[in-house]
C-alpha atoms as a PDB file:
ATOM      1  CA  UNK A   1      10.917  17.188  59.272  1.00  0.00           C
ATOM      2  CA  UNK A   2      10.128  13.701  58.939  1.00  0.00           C
ATOM      3  CA  UNK A   3       6.715  12.603  59.996  1.00  0.00           C
ATOM      4  CA  UNK A   4       5.303   9.170  60.154  1.00  0.00           C
ATOM      5  CA  UNK A   5       1.943   8.651  57.741  1.00  0.00           C
ATOM      6  CA  UNK A   6      -0.891   6.407  58.808  1.00  0.00           C
ATOM      7  CA  UNK A   7      -3.184   5.383  56.092  1.00  0.00           C
ATOM      8  CA  UNK A   8      -6.151   3.444  56.316  1.00  0.00           C
ATOM      9  CA  UNK A   9      -5.203   1.768  52.971  1.00  0.00           C
ATOM     10  CA  UNK A  10      -4.046  -2.087  53.147  1.00  0.00           C
ATOM     11  CA  UNK A  11      -1.959  -3.146  50.207  1.00  0.00           C
ATOM     12  CA  UNK A  12       0.442  -5.809  50.186  1.00  0.00           C
ATOM     13  CA  UNK A  13       3.825  -4.835  50.864  1.00  0.00           C
ATOM     14  CA  UNK A  14       4.713  -5.680  47.274  1.00  0.00           C
ATOM     15  CA  UNK A  15       2.387  -2.915  46.315  1.00  0.00           C
ATOM     16  CA  UNK A  16       3.715  -0.470  48.730  1.00  0.00           C
ATOM     17  CA  UNK A  17       7.186  -1.124  47.601  1.00  0.00           C
ATOM     18  CA  UNK A  18       6.091  -0.424  43.944  1.00  0.00           C
ATOM     19  CA  UNK A  19       4.324   2.751  44.825  1.00  0.00           C
ATOM     20  CA  UNK A  20       7.727   3.948  46.742  1.00  0.00           C
ATOM     21  CA  UNK A  21      10.009   3.199  43.677  1.00  0.00           C
ATOM     22  CA  UNK A  22       7.572   4.778  41.294  1.00  0.00           C
ATOM     23  CA  UNK A  23       6.941   7.979  43.255  1.00  0.00           C
ATOM     24  CA  UNK A  24      10.612   8.022  44.114  1.00  0.00           C
ATOM     25  CA  UNK A  25      11.692   7.701  40.406  1.00  0.00           C
ATOM     26  CA  UNK A  26       8.929  10.404  39.723  1.00  0.00           C
ATOM     27  CA  UNK A  27      10.105  12.697  42.657  1.00  0.00           C
ATOM     28  CA  UNK A  28      13.704  12.294  41.305  1.00  0.00           C
ATOM     29  CA  UNK A  29      13.092  13.458  37.774  1.00  0.00           C
ATOM     30  CA  UNK A  30      11.031  16.524  39.108  1.00  0.00           C
ATOM     31  CA  UNK A  31      14.121  17.450  41.528  1.00  0.00           C
ATOM     32  CA  UNK A  32      16.449  16.964  38.559  1.00  0.00           C
ATOM     33  CA  UNK A  33      14.561  19.593  36.353  1.00  0.00           C
ATOM     34  CA  UNK A  34      14.603  21.954  39.198  1.00  0.00           C
ATOM     35  CA  UNK A  35      18.219  21.315  39.726  1.00  0.00           C
ATOM     36  CA  UNK A  36      18.750  21.937  35.922  1.00  0.00           C
ATOM     37  CA  UNK A  37      16.683  25.184  36.097  1.00  0.00           C
ATOM     38  CA  UNK A  38      18.357  26.385  39.258  1.00  0.00           C
ATOM     39  CA  UNK A  39      21.966  25.452  37.903  1.00  0.00           C
ATOM     40  CA  UNK A  40      20.762  27.913  34.783  1.00  0.00           C
ATOM     41  CA  UNK A  41      19.880  30.566  36.963  1.00  0.00           C
ATOM     42  CA  UNK A  42      23.130  30.286  39.151  1.00  0.00           C
ATOM     43  CA  UNK A  43      25.002  30.593  35.499  1.00  0.00           C
ATOM     44  CA  UNK A  44      23.287  33.688  34.841  1.00  0.00           C
ATOM     45  CA  UNK A  45      24.682  35.280  37.892  1.00  0.00           C
ATOM     46  CA  UNK A  46      28.129  34.048  37.008  1.00  0.00           C
ATOM     47  CA  UNK A  47      28.047  35.507  33.788  1.00  0.00           C
ATOM     48  CA  UNK A  48      26.616  38.740  35.305  1.00  0.00           C
ATOM     49  CA  UNK A  49      29.416  38.965  37.969  1.00  0.00           C
ATOM     50  CA  UNK A  50      31.934  37.263  35.608  1.00  0.00           C
ATOM     51  CA  UNK A  51      33.134  35.050  38.540  1.00  0.00           C
ATOM     52  CA  UNK A  52      31.692  32.306  40.768  1.00  0.00           C
ATOM     53  CA  UNK A  53      30.139  33.343  44.311  1.00  0.00           C
ATOM     54  CA  UNK A  54      32.933  31.704  46.285  1.00  0.00           C
ATOM     55  CA  UNK A  55      35.337  34.055  44.208  1.00  0.00           C
ATOM     56  CA  UNK A  56      33.133  37.141  44.546  1.00  0.00           C
ATOM     57  CA  UNK A  57      32.611  36.488  48.340  1.00  0.00           C
ATOM     58  CA  UNK A  58      36.817  36.466  48.539  1.00  0.00           C
ATOM     59  CA  UNK A  59      37.182  39.695  46.626  1.00  0.00           C
ATOM     60  CA  UNK A  60      33.763  41.531  47.883  1.00  0.00           C
ATOM     61  CA  UNK A  61      31.294  43.709  45.741  1.00  0.00           C
ATOM     62  CA  UNK A  62      32.851  46.801  44.389  1.00  0.00           C
ATOM     63  CA  UNK A  63      32.909  49.900  47.038  1.00  0.00           C
ATOM     64  CA  UNK A  64      30.516  51.634  44.567  1.00  0.00           C
ATOM     65  CA  UNK A  65      27.957  48.629  43.844  1.00  0.00           C
ATOM     66  CA  UNK A  66      24.484  49.793  43.392  1.00  0.00           C
ATOM     67  CA  UNK A  67      21.418  48.798  45.266  1.00  0.00           C
ATOM     68  CA  UNK A  68      20.607  46.358  42.397  1.00  0.00           C
ATOM     69  CA  UNK A  69      23.712  44.755  42.472  1.00  0.00           C
ATOM     70  CA  UNK A  70      23.331  44.319  46.240  1.00  0.00           C
ATOM     71  CA  UNK A  71      19.908  42.631  45.764  1.00  0.00           C
ATOM     72  CA  UNK A  72      21.344  40.630  43.031  1.00  0.00           C
ATOM     73  CA  UNK A  73      24.171  39.392  45.171  1.00  0.00           C
ATOM     74  CA  UNK A  74      21.870  38.192  47.821  1.00  0.00           C
ATOM     75  CA  UNK A  75      19.460  36.668  45.456  1.00  0.00           C
ATOM     76  CA  UNK A  76      22.350  34.650  44.166  1.00  0.00           C
ATOM     77  CA  UNK A  77      22.952  33.437  47.867  1.00  0.00           C
ATOM     78  CA  UNK A  78      19.355  32.254  47.756  1.00  0.00           C
ATOM     79  CA  UNK A  79      19.673  30.453  44.683  1.00  0.00           C
ATOM     80  CA  UNK A  80      22.829  28.830  45.725  1.00  0.00           C
ATOM     81  CA  UNK A  81      21.293  27.646  49.095  1.00  0.00           C
ATOM     82  CA  UNK A  82      18.297  26.157  46.894  1.00  0.00           C
ATOM     83  CA  UNK A  83      20.499  24.164  44.926  1.00  0.00           C
ATOM     84  CA  UNK A  84      22.294  22.609  47.604  1.00  0.00           C
ATOM     85  CA  UNK A  85      18.924  21.638  49.261  1.00  0.00           C
ATOM     86  CA  UNK A  86      17.653  20.322  45.865  1.00  0.00           C
ATOM     87  CA  UNK A  87      20.647  18.237  45.376  1.00  0.00           C
ATOM     88  CA  UNK A  88      20.659  16.874  49.092  1.00  0.00           C
ATOM     89  CA  UNK A  89      17.015  16.007  48.636  1.00  0.00           C
ATOM     90  CA  UNK A  90      17.999  14.131  45.231  1.00  0.00           C
ATOM     91  CA  UNK A  91      20.934  12.245  46.601  1.00  0.00           C
ATOM     92  CA  UNK A  92      18.535  11.148  49.420  1.00  0.00           C
ATOM     93  CA  UNK A  93      16.076   9.619  47.413  1.00  0.00           C
ATOM     94  CA  UNK A  94      18.808   8.083  44.884  1.00  0.00           C
ATOM     95  CA  UNK A  95      20.211   6.304  48.148  1.00  0.00           C
ATOM     96  CA  UNK A  96      17.180   4.467  48.986  1.00  0.00           C
ATOM     97  CA  UNK A  97      18.092   1.024  50.064  1.00  0.00           C
ATOM     98  CA  UNK A  98      17.723  -1.346  47.234  1.00  0.00           C
ATOM     99  CA  UNK A  99      16.109  -4.054  49.435  1.00  0.00           C
ATOM    100  CA  UNK A 100      13.540  -1.328  50.613  1.00  0.00           C
ATOM    101  CA  UNK A 101      12.362   0.051  47.205  1.00  0.00           C
ATOM    102  CA  UNK A 102      12.493  -3.185  45.198  1.00  0.00           C
END
């Protein structure tokens, strides 16, 4: 959800652009770190299950999979969704109009 911000601070447009550039660069760096952490966690699931999530969804969990395995499968889905969200947010920041940010 995007909400407009009304700030009681008067700065030149050049200063606001600079703040936006610095802020977007900082947030991009934070998001990249979160992406790397999330990818590392997902890699652990790939090792544990011996395949990608999409392949596991094709073949399914074994009929004798225990509760812990089912929980890990659900958690893996959560991390995959988190990764997609982070990548989308990062892409949005990286695609800011060049004329707008500097």
